[in-house]
Amino acid sequence: MPALKAPAGHFTVLYFASASSYTSKNNETLPAPLPLSKLFDTLEEKYNGMKAKVLVSCLVTVNLEYVDIPEDCASEPVIKEGDEVAIIPPVSSG
């Protein structure tokens, strides 16, 4: 499967498991740049209730590297044009 190419000025968000179920999407593009600390707020604006129901327990990667979502930080990371962000909820095994 070829990598998704975000249009100019955007980055790609990939949704897995319950994040995909909640958004009814596997992926979408959002405008860049976006401070990493604003990612969950941006998704909450689009998908009301997602923060409490899905995002609080998710792992996040940017370009395949796990990142921590900063509360607020002077030198915080910024999601840039062309980046790939993955929202990865916990997976239960049984």
PDB file of N, CA and C in Angstrom:
ATOM      1  N   MET A   1       0.848  -1.183   0.000  1.00  0.00           N
ATOM      2  CA  MET A   1       0.000   0.000   0.000  1.00  0.00           C
ATOM      3  C   MET A   1       0.889   1.240   0.000  1.00  0.00           C
ATOM      4  N   PRO A   2       0.743   2.112  -0.954  1.00  0.00           N
ATOM      5  CA  PRO A   2       1.605   3.287  -1.015  1.00  0.00           C
ATOM      6  C   PRO A   2       1.307   4.263   0.121  1.00  0.00           C
ATOM      7  N   ALA A   3       2.337   4.986   0.524  1.00  0.00           N
ATOM      8  CA  ALA A   3       2.166   5.975   1.586  1.00  0.00           C
ATOM      9  C   ALA A   3       1.227   7.075   1.098  1.00  0.00           C
ATOM     10  N   LEU A   4       0.431   7.599   2.021  1.00  0.00           N
ATOM     11  CA  LEU A   4      -0.486   8.672   1.674  1.00  0.00           C
ATOM     12  C   LEU A   4       0.290   9.967   1.568  1.00  0.00           C
ATOM     13  N   LYS A   5       0.003  10.725   0.545  1.00  0.00           N
ATOM     14  CA  LYS A   5       0.682  12.001   0.348  1.00  0.00           C
ATOM     15  C   LYS A   5      -0.287  13.111   0.686  1.00  0.00           C
ATOM     16  N   ALA A   6       0.051  13.888   1.699  1.00  0.00           N
ATOM     17  CA  ALA A   6      -0.804  15.006   2.094  1.00  0.00           C
ATOM     18  C   ALA A   6      -0.653  16.126   1.083  1.00  0.00           C
ATOM     19  N   PRO A   7      -1.737  16.874   0.832  1.00  0.00           N
ATOM     20  CA  PRO A   7      -1.614  18.021  -0.057  1.00  0.00           C
ATOM     21  C   PRO A   7      -0.701  19.076   0.553  1.00  0.00           C
ATOM     22  N   ALA A   8      -0.235  20.005  -0.251  1.00  0.00           N
ATOM     23  CA  ALA A   8       0.648  21.073   0.231  1.00  0.00           C
ATOM     24  C   ALA A   8       0.024  21.774   1.434  1.00  0.00           C
ATOM     25  N   GLY A   9       0.856  22.029   2.439  1.00  0.00           N
ATOM     26  CA  GLY A   9       0.390  22.740   3.613  1.00  0.00           C
ATOM     27  C   GLY A   9      -0.374  21.880   4.605  1.00  0.00           C
ATOM     28  N   HIS A  10      -0.319  20.555   4.444  1.00  0.00           N
ATOM     29  CA  HIS A  10      -1.045  19.643   5.327  1.00  0.00           C
ATOM     30  C   HIS A  10      -0.153  18.508   5.806  1.00  0.00           C
ATOM     31  N   PHE A  11      -0.620  17.799   6.843  1.00  0.00           N
ATOM     32  CA  PHE A  11       0.007  16.560   7.279  1.00  0.00           C
ATOM     33  C   PHE A  11      -1.081  15.498   7.346  1.00  0.00           C
ATOM     34  N   THR A  12      -0.674  14.242   7.396  1.00  0.00           N
ATOM     35  CA  THR A  12      -1.609  13.115   7.400  1.00  0.00           C
ATOM     36  C   THR A  12      -1.751  12.565   8.812  1.00  0.00           C
ATOM     37  N   VAL A  13      -2.992  12.270   9.202  1.00  0.00           N
ATOM     38  CA  VAL A  13      -3.268  11.596  10.467  1.00  0.00           C
ATOM     39  C   VAL A  13      -3.822  10.222  10.131  1.00  0.00           C
ATOM     40  N   LEU A  14      -3.215   9.185  10.718  1.00  0.00           N
ATOM     41  CA  LEU A  14      -3.691   7.820  10.548  1.00  0.00           C
ATOM     42  C   LEU A  14      -4.398   7.409  11.829  1.00  0.00           C
ATOM     43  N   TYR A  15      -5.597   6.832  11.692  1.00  0.00           N
ATOM     44  CA  TYR A  15      -6.373   6.395  12.849  1.00  0.00           C
ATOM     45  C   TYR A  15      -6.404   4.876  12.897  1.00  0.00           C
ATOM     46  N   PHE A  16      -6.156   4.325  14.078  1.00  0.00           N
ATOM     47  CA  PHE A  16      -6.176   2.881  14.249  1.00  0.00           C
ATOM     48  C   PHE A  16      -7.209   2.500  15.310  1.00  0.00           C
ATOM     49  N   ALA A  17      -7.718   1.275  15.214  1.00  0.00           N
ATOM     50  CA  ALA A  17      -8.619   0.667  16.206  1.00  0.00           C
ATOM     51  C   ALA A  17      -9.765   1.604  16.583  1.00  0.00           C
ATOM     52  N   SER A  18      -9.925   1.901  17.877  1.00  0.00           N
ATOM     53  CA  SER A  18     -11.072   2.701  18.312  1.00  0.00           C
ATOM     54  C   SER A  18     -11.022   4.131  17.779  1.00  0.00           C
ATOM     55  N   ALA A  19      -9.837   4.648  17.485  1.00  0.00           N
ATOM     56  CA  ALA A  19      -9.746   5.994  16.901  1.00  0.00           C
ATOM     57  C   ALA A  19     -10.375   5.994  15.509  1.00  0.00           C
ATOM     58  N   SER A  20     -10.140   4.940  14.760  1.00  0.00           N
ATOM     59  CA  SER A  20     -10.738   4.812  13.433  1.00  0.00           C
ATOM     60  C   SER A  20     -12.253   4.647  13.546  1.00  0.00           C
ATOM     61  N   SER A  21     -12.694   3.856  14.508  1.00  0.00           N
ATOM     62  CA  SER A  21     -14.131   3.665  14.714  1.00  0.00           C
ATOM     63  C   SER A  21     -14.798   4.985  15.109  1.00  0.00           C
ATOM     64  N   TYR A  22     -14.130   5.751  15.977  1.00  0.00           N
ATOM     65  CA  TYR A  22     -14.727   6.987  16.481  1.00  0.00           C
ATOM     66  C   TYR A  22     -14.869   8.033  15.371  1.00  0.00           C
ATOM     67  N   THR A  23     -13.851   8.129  14.510  1.00  0.00           N
ATOM     68  CA  THR A  23     -13.874   9.136  13.437  1.00  0.00           C
ATOM     69  C   THR A  23     -14.554   8.629  12.168  1.00  0.00           C
ATOM     70  N   SER A  24     -14.785   7.321  12.088  1.00  0.00           N
ATOM     71  CA  SER A  24     -15.292   6.674  10.864  1.00  0.00           C
ATOM     72  C   SER A  24     -14.336   6.890   9.689  1.00  0.00           C
ATOM     73  N   LYS A  25     -13.054   7.034   9.998  1.00  0.00           N
ATOM     74  CA  LYS A  25     -12.032   7.235   8.964  1.00  0.00           C
ATOM     75  C   LYS A  25     -10.785   6.430   9.323  1.00  0.00           C
ATOM     76  N   ASN A  26     -10.037   6.049   8.305  1.00  0.00           N
ATOM     77  CA  ASN A  26      -8.724   5.446   8.525  1.00  0.00           C
ATOM     78  C   ASN A  26      -7.638   6.513   8.532  1.00  0.00           C
ATOM     79  N   ASN A  27      -7.911   7.624   7.830  1.00  0.00           N
ATOM     80  CA  ASN A  27      -6.929   8.697   7.755  1.00  0.00           C
ATOM     81  C   ASN A  27      -7.598   9.973   7.280  1.00  0.00           C
ATOM     82  N   GLU A  28      -6.911  11.078   7.477  1.00  0.00           N
ATOM     83  CA  GLU A  28      -7.330  12.362   6.927  1.00  0.00           C
ATOM     84  C   GLU A  28      -6.138  13.302   6.968  1.00  0.00           C
ATOM     85  N   THR A  29      -6.272  14.442   6.314  1.00  0.00           N
ATOM     86  CA  THR A  29      -5.209  15.434   6.351  1.00  0.00           C
ATOM     87  C   THR A  29      -5.695  16.662   7.108  1.00  0.00           C
ATOM     88  N   LEU A  30      -4.753  17.289   7.812  1.00  0.00           N
ATOM     89  CA  LEU A  30      -5.031  18.498   8.575  1.00  0.00           C
ATOM     90  C   LEU A  30      -4.010  19.567   8.197  1.00  0.00           C
ATOM     91  N   PRO A  31      -4.363  20.835   8.375  1.00  0.00           N
ATOM     92  CA  PRO A  31      -3.431  21.919   8.024  1.00  0.00           C
ATOM     93  C   PRO A  31      -2.177  21.910   8.898  1.00  0.00           C
ATOM     94  N   ALA A  32      -1.050  22.185   8.274  1.00  0.00           N
ATOM     95  CA  ALA A  32       0.238  22.279   8.968  1.00  0.00           C
ATOM     96  C   ALA A  32       0.779  23.693   8.791  1.00  0.00           C
ATOM     97  N   PRO A  33       1.634  24.136   9.684  1.00  0.00           N
ATOM     98  CA  PRO A  33       2.132  23.449  10.866  1.00  0.00           C
ATOM     99  C   PRO A  33       1.124  23.494  12.005  1.00  0.00           C
ATOM    100  N   LEU A  34       1.278  22.533  12.935  1.00  0.00           N
ATOM    101  CA  LEU A  34       0.426  22.473  14.118  1.00  0.00           C
ATOM    102  C   LEU A  34       1.300  22.080  15.308  1.00  0.00           C
ATOM    103  N   PRO A  35       1.323  22.909  16.365  1.00  0.00           N
ATOM    104  CA  PRO A  35       2.088  22.506  17.552  1.00  0.00           C
ATOM    105  C   PRO A  35       1.555  21.178  18.074  1.00  0.00           C
ATOM    106  N   LEU A  36       2.449  20.295  18.458  1.00  0.00           N
ATOM    107  CA  LEU A  36       2.053  18.970  18.925  1.00  0.00           C
ATOM    108  C   LEU A  36       1.073  19.063  20.093  1.00  0.00           C
ATOM    109  N   SER A  37       1.250  20.055  20.956  1.00  0.00           N
ATOM    110  CA  SER A  37       0.357  20.194  22.112  1.00  0.00           C
ATOM    111  C   SER A  37      -1.072  20.542  21.708  1.00  0.00           C
ATOM    112  N   LYS A  38      -1.274  21.003  20.478  1.00  0.00           N
ATOM    113  CA  LYS A  38      -2.616  21.372  20.000  1.00  0.00           C
ATOM    114  C   LYS A  38      -3.310  20.247  19.241  1.00  0.00           C
ATOM    115  N   LEU A  39      -2.607  19.127  19.022  1.00  0.00           N
ATOM    116  CA  LEU A  39      -3.174  18.034  18.219  1.00  0.00           C
ATOM    117  C   LEU A  39      -4.482  17.519  18.803  1.00  0.00           C
ATOM    118  N   PHE A  40      -4.497  17.161  20.099  1.00  0.00           N
ATOM    119  CA  PHE A  40      -5.699  16.585  20.691  1.00  0.00           C
ATOM    120  C   PHE A  40      -6.839  17.597  20.711  1.00  0.00           C
ATOM    121  N   ASP A  41      -6.535  18.875  20.970  1.00  0.00           N
ATOM    122  CA  ASP A  41      -7.586  19.904  20.959  1.00  0.00           C
ATOM    123  C   ASP A  41      -8.181  20.051  19.561  1.00  0.00           C
ATOM    124  N   THR A  42      -7.329  19.994  18.550  1.00  0.00           N
ATOM    125  CA  THR A  42      -7.793  20.100  17.162  1.00  0.00           C
ATOM    126  C   THR A  42      -8.712  18.930  16.817  1.00  0.00           C
ATOM    127  N   LEU A  43      -8.323  17.716  17.218  1.00  0.00           N
ATOM    128  CA  LEU A  43      -9.153  16.543  16.939  1.00  0.00           C
ATOM    129  C   LEU A  43     -10.447  16.587  17.746  1.00  0.00           C
ATOM    130  N   GLU A  44     -10.390  17.094  18.975  1.00  0.00           N
ATOM    131  CA  GLU A  44     -11.586  17.218  19.809  1.00  0.00           C
ATOM    132  C   GLU A  44     -12.591  18.183  19.170  1.00  0.00           C
ATOM    133  N   GLU A  45     -12.088  19.260  18.547  1.00  0.00           N
ATOM    134  CA  GLU A  45     -12.983  20.209  17.866  1.00  0.00           C
ATOM    135  C   GLU A  45     -13.718  19.534  16.712  1.00  0.00           C
ATOM    136  N   LYS A  46     -13.028  18.651  15.995  1.00  0.00           N
ATOM    137  CA  LYS A  46     -13.645  17.956  14.856  1.00  0.00           C
ATOM    138  C   LYS A  46     -14.558  16.814  15.302  1.00  0.00           C
ATOM    139  N   TYR A  47     -14.167  16.126  16.387  1.00  0.00           N
ATOM    140  CA  TYR A  47     -14.873  14.927  16.836  1.00  0.00           C
ATOM    141  C   TYR A  47     -15.174  15.084  18.321  1.00  0.00           C
ATOM    142  N   ASN A  48     -16.285  15.726  18.625  1.00  0.00           N
ATOM    143  CA  ASN A  48     -16.656  16.038  19.995  1.00  0.00           C
ATOM    144  C   ASN A  48     -16.670  14.790  20.883  1.00  0.00           C
ATOM    145  N   GLY A  49     -15.962  14.845  22.010  1.00  0.00           N
ATOM    146  CA  GLY A  49     -15.905  13.728  22.937  1.00  0.00           C
ATOM    147  C   GLY A  49     -14.742  12.783  22.707  1.00  0.00           C
ATOM    148  N   MET A  50     -14.024  12.955  21.611  1.00  0.00           N
ATOM    149  CA  MET A  50     -12.940  12.031  21.270  1.00  0.00           C
ATOM    150  C   MET A  50     -11.805  12.078  22.292  1.00  0.00           C
ATOM    151  N   LYS A  51     -11.524  13.240  22.825  1.00  0.00           N
ATOM    152  CA  LYS A  51     -10.402  13.374  23.755  1.00  0.00           C
ATOM    153  C   LYS A  51     -10.594  12.464  24.962  1.00  0.00           C
ATOM    154  N   ALA A  52     -11.759  12.540  25.591  1.00  0.00           N
ATOM    155  CA  ALA A  52     -12.016  11.748  26.792  1.00  0.00           C
ATOM    156  C   ALA A  52     -12.204  10.267  26.491  1.00  0.00           C
ATOM    157  N   LYS A  53     -12.829   9.955  25.357  1.00  0.00           N
ATOM    158  CA  LYS A  53     -13.177   8.563  25.064  1.00  0.00           C
ATOM    159  C   LYS A  53     -12.056   7.784  24.387  1.00  0.00           C
ATOM    160  N   VAL A  54     -11.191   8.483  23.631  1.00  0.00           N
ATOM    161  CA  VAL A  54     -10.183   7.778  22.843  1.00  0.00           C
ATOM    162  C   VAL A  54      -8.768   8.292  23.117  1.00  0.00           C
ATOM    163  N   LEU A  55      -8.586   9.595  22.999  1.00  0.00           N
ATOM    164  CA  LEU A  55      -7.230  10.145  22.966  1.00  0.00           C
ATOM    165  C   LEU A  55      -6.464  10.043  24.282  1.00  0.00           C
ATOM    166  N   VAL A  56      -7.159  10.084  25.431  1.00  0.00           N
ATOM    167  CA  VAL A  56      -6.452  10.068  26.713  1.00  0.00           C
ATOM    168  C   VAL A  56      -5.580   8.832  26.897  1.00  0.00           C
ATOM    169  N   SER A  57      -5.934   7.733  26.257  1.00  0.00           N
ATOM    170  CA  SER A  57      -5.166   6.505  26.441  1.00  0.00           C
ATOM    171  C   SER A  57      -4.356   6.109  25.206  1.00  0.00           C
ATOM    172  N   CYS A  58      -4.282   6.995  24.213  1.00  0.00           N
ATOM    173  CA  CYS A  58      -3.599   6.660  22.957  1.00  0.00           C
ATOM    174  C   CYS A  58      -2.099   6.919  23.004  1.00  0.00           C
ATOM    175  N   LEU A  59      -1.402   6.172  22.190  1.00  0.00           N
ATOM    176  CA  LEU A  59      -0.021   6.494  21.856  1.00  0.00           C
ATOM    177  C   LEU A  59      -0.062   7.291  20.559  1.00  0.00           C
ATOM    178  N   VAL A  60       0.944   8.139  20.377  1.00  0.00           N
ATOM    179  CA  VAL A  60       1.010   8.968  19.172  1.00  0.00           C
ATOM    180  C   VAL A  60       2.402   8.828  18.576  1.00  0.00           C
ATOM    181  N   THR A  61       2.453   8.668  17.252  1.00  0.00           N
ATOM    182  CA  THR A  61       3.740   8.708  16.563  1.00  0.00           C
ATOM    183  C   THR A  61       3.728   9.841  15.550  1.00  0.00           C
ATOM    184  N   VAL A  62       4.896  10.414  15.343  1.00  0.00           N
ATOM    185  CA  VAL A  62       5.108  11.377  14.264  1.00  0.00           C
ATOM    186  C   VAL A  62       6.249  10.809  13.434  1.00  0.00           C
ATOM    187  N   ASN A  63       5.969  10.537  12.176  1.00  0.00           N
ATOM    188  CA  ASN A  63       6.950   9.931  11.275  1.00  0.00           C
ATOM    189  C   ASN A  63       7.561   8.661  11.895  1.00  0.00           C
ATOM    190  N   LEU A  64       6.680   7.814  12.428  1.00  0.00           N
ATOM    191  CA  LEU A  64       7.013   6.500  12.982  1.00  0.00           C
ATOM    192  C   LEU A  64       7.801   6.545  14.287  1.00  0.00           C
ATOM    193  N   GLU A  65       7.920   7.711  14.928  1.00  0.00           N
ATOM    194  CA  GLU A  65       8.592   7.820  16.221  1.00  0.00           C
ATOM    195  C   GLU A  65       7.575   8.183  17.282  1.00  0.00           C
ATOM    196  N   TYR A  66       7.565   7.414  18.377  1.00  0.00           N
ATOM    197  CA  TYR A  66       6.641   7.718  19.469  1.00  0.00           C
ATOM    198  C   TYR A  66       6.973   9.080  20.074  1.00  0.00           C
ATOM    199  N   VAL A  67       5.923   9.841  20.377  1.00  0.00           N
ATOM    200  CA  VAL A  67       6.100  11.160  20.977  1.00  0.00           C
ATOM    201  C   VAL A  67       5.166  11.285  22.176  1.00  0.00           C
ATOM    202  N   ASP A  68       5.565  12.139  23.107  1.00  0.00           N
ATOM    203  CA  ASP A  68       4.688  12.504  24.216  1.00  0.00           C
ATOM    204  C   ASP A  68       4.034  13.823  23.853  1.00  0.00           C
ATOM    205  N   ILE A  69       2.749  13.944  24.148  1.00  0.00           N
ATOM    206  CA  ILE A  69       2.041  15.191  23.887  1.00  0.00           C
ATOM    207  C   ILE A  69       2.369  16.155  25.033  1.00  0.00           C
ATOM    208  N   PRO A  70       3.061  17.256  24.729  1.00  0.00           N
ATOM    209  CA  PRO A  70       3.430  18.185  25.801  1.00  0.00           C
ATOM    210  C   PRO A  70       2.220  18.974  26.291  1.00  0.00           C
ATOM    211  N   GLU A  71       2.242  19.323  27.568  1.00  0.00           N
ATOM    212  CA  GLU A  71       1.187  20.194  28.108  1.00  0.00           C
ATOM    213  C   GLU A  71       1.375  21.575  27.502  1.00  0.00           C
ATOM    214  N   ASP A  72       2.507  22.143  27.720  1.00  0.00           N
ATOM    215  CA  ASP A  72       2.920  23.414  27.124  1.00  0.00           C
ATOM    216  C   ASP A  72       4.406  23.520  27.332  1.00  0.00           C
ATOM    217  N   CYS A  73       5.103  23.891  26.312  1.00  0.00           N
ATOM    218  CA  CYS A  73       6.555  23.850  26.375  1.00  0.00           C
ATOM    219  C   CYS A  73       7.120  24.876  25.412  1.00  0.00           C
ATOM    220  N   ALA A  74       8.142  25.581  25.829  1.00  0.00           N
ATOM    221  CA  ALA A  74       8.723  26.631  24.994  1.00  0.00           C
ATOM    222  C   ALA A  74       9.318  26.052  23.712  1.00  0.00           C
ATOM    223  N   SER A  75       9.925  24.887  23.821  1.00  0.00           N
ATOM    224  CA  SER A  75      10.574  24.298  22.643  1.00  0.00           C
ATOM    225  C   SER A  75       9.809  23.069  22.164  1.00  0.00           C
ATOM    226  N   GLU A  76       8.485  23.176  22.201  1.00  0.00           N
ATOM    227  CA  GLU A  76       7.681  22.015  21.840  1.00  0.00           C
ATOM    228  C   GLU A  76       7.809  21.664  20.362  1.00  0.00           C
ATOM    229  N   PRO A  77       7.651  20.388  20.060  1.00  0.00           N
ATOM    230  CA  PRO A  77       7.699  19.961  18.657  1.00  0.00           C
ATOM    231  C   PRO A  77       6.489  20.479  17.882  1.00  0.00           C
ATOM    232  N   VAL A  78       6.698  20.647  16.595  1.00  0.00           N
ATOM    233  CA  VAL A  78       5.639  21.115  15.706  1.00  0.00           C
ATOM    234  C   VAL A  78       5.467  20.076  14.606  1.00  0.00           C
ATOM    235  N   ILE A  79       4.206  19.727  14.333  1.00  0.00           N
ATOM    236  CA  ILE A  79       3.900  18.824  13.219  1.00  0.00           C
ATOM    237  C   ILE A  79       3.999  19.664  11.949  1.00  0.00           C
ATOM    238  N   LYS A  80       4.845  19.205  11.025  1.00  0.00           N
ATOM    239  CA  LYS A  80       5.130  19.985   9.829  1.00  0.00           C
ATOM    240  C   LYS A  80       4.420  19.423   8.592  1.00  0.00           C
ATOM    241  N   GLU A  81       4.387  20.229   7.563  1.00  0.00           N
ATOM    242  CA  GLU A  81       3.834  19.810   6.277  1.00  0.00           C
ATOM    243  C   GLU A  81       4.492  18.508   5.844  1.00  0.00           C
ATOM    244  N   GLY A  82       3.663  17.549   5.428  1.00  0.00           N
ATOM    245  CA  GLY A  82       4.174  16.277   4.943  1.00  0.00           C
ATOM    246  C   GLY A  82       4.415  15.234   6.013  1.00  0.00           C
ATOM    247  N   ASP A  83       4.313  15.620   7.294  1.00  0.00           N
ATOM    248  CA  ASP A  83       4.507  14.648   8.371  1.00  0.00           C
ATOM    249  C   ASP A  83       3.366  13.637   8.389  1.00  0.00           C
ATOM    250  N   GLU A  84       3.632  12.493   9.007  1.00  0.00           N
ATOM    251  CA  GLU A  84       2.615  11.463   9.183  1.00  0.00           C
ATOM    252  C   GLU A  84       2.451  11.211  10.678  1.00  0.00           C
ATOM    253  N   VAL A  85       1.241  11.426  11.172  1.00  0.00           N
ATOM    254  CA  VAL A  85       0.915  11.253  12.581  1.00  0.00           C
ATOM    255  C   VAL A  85       0.000  10.040  12.702  1.00  0.00           C
ATOM    256  N   ALA A  86       0.282   9.168  13.670  1.00  0.00           N
ATOM    257  CA  ALA A  86      -0.593   8.011  13.906  1.00  0.00           C
ATOM    258  C   ALA A  86      -1.163   8.102  15.311  1.00  0.00           C
ATOM    259  N   ILE A  87      -2.473   7.861  15.405  1.00  0.00           N
ATOM    260  CA  ILE A  87      -3.169   7.797  16.679  1.00  0.00           C
ATOM    261  C   ILE A  87      -3.415   6.313  16.966  1.00  0.00           C
ATOM    262  N   ILE A  88      -2.768   5.784  18.023  1.00  0.00           N
ATOM    263  CA  ILE A  88      -2.775   4.356  18.276  1.00  0.00           C
ATOM    264  C   ILE A  88      -3.382   4.072  19.650  1.00  0.00           C
ATOM    265  N   PRO A  89      -4.650   3.687  19.691  1.00  0.00           N
ATOM    266  CA  PRO A  89      -5.272   3.340  20.971  1.00  0.00           C
ATOM    267  C   PRO A  89      -4.710   2.025  21.518  1.00  0.00           C
ATOM    268  N   PRO A  90      -4.875   1.798  22.823  1.00  0.00           N
ATOM    269  CA  PRO A  90      -4.451   0.514  23.369  1.00  0.00           C
ATOM    270  C   PRO A  90      -5.239  -0.617  22.725  1.00  0.00           C
ATOM    271  N   VAL A  91      -4.595  -1.742  22.552  1.00  0.00           N
ATOM    272  CA  VAL A  91      -5.247  -2.894  21.938  1.00  0.00           C
ATOM    273  C   VAL A  91      -5.346  -3.985  23.003  1.00  0.00           C
ATOM    274  N   SER A  92      -6.533  -4.517  23.174  1.00  0.00           N
ATOM    275  CA  SER A  92      -6.685  -5.585  24.156  1.00  0.00           C
ATOM    276  C   SER A  92      -6.444  -6.927  23.480  1.00  0.00           C
ATOM    277  N   SER A  93      -5.874  -7.833  24.239  1.00  0.00           N
ATOM    278  CA  SER A  93      -5.675  -9.176  23.689  1.00  0.00           C
ATOM    279  C   SER A  93      -6.501 -10.144  24.532  1.00  0.00           C
ATOM    280  N   GLY A  94      -6.909 -11.211  23.907  1.00  0.00           N
ATOM    281  CA  GLY A  94      -7.788 -12.097  24.645  1.00  0.00           C
ATOM    282  C   GLY A  94      -7.596 -13.510  24.379  1.00  0.00           C
TER     283      GLY A  94
END
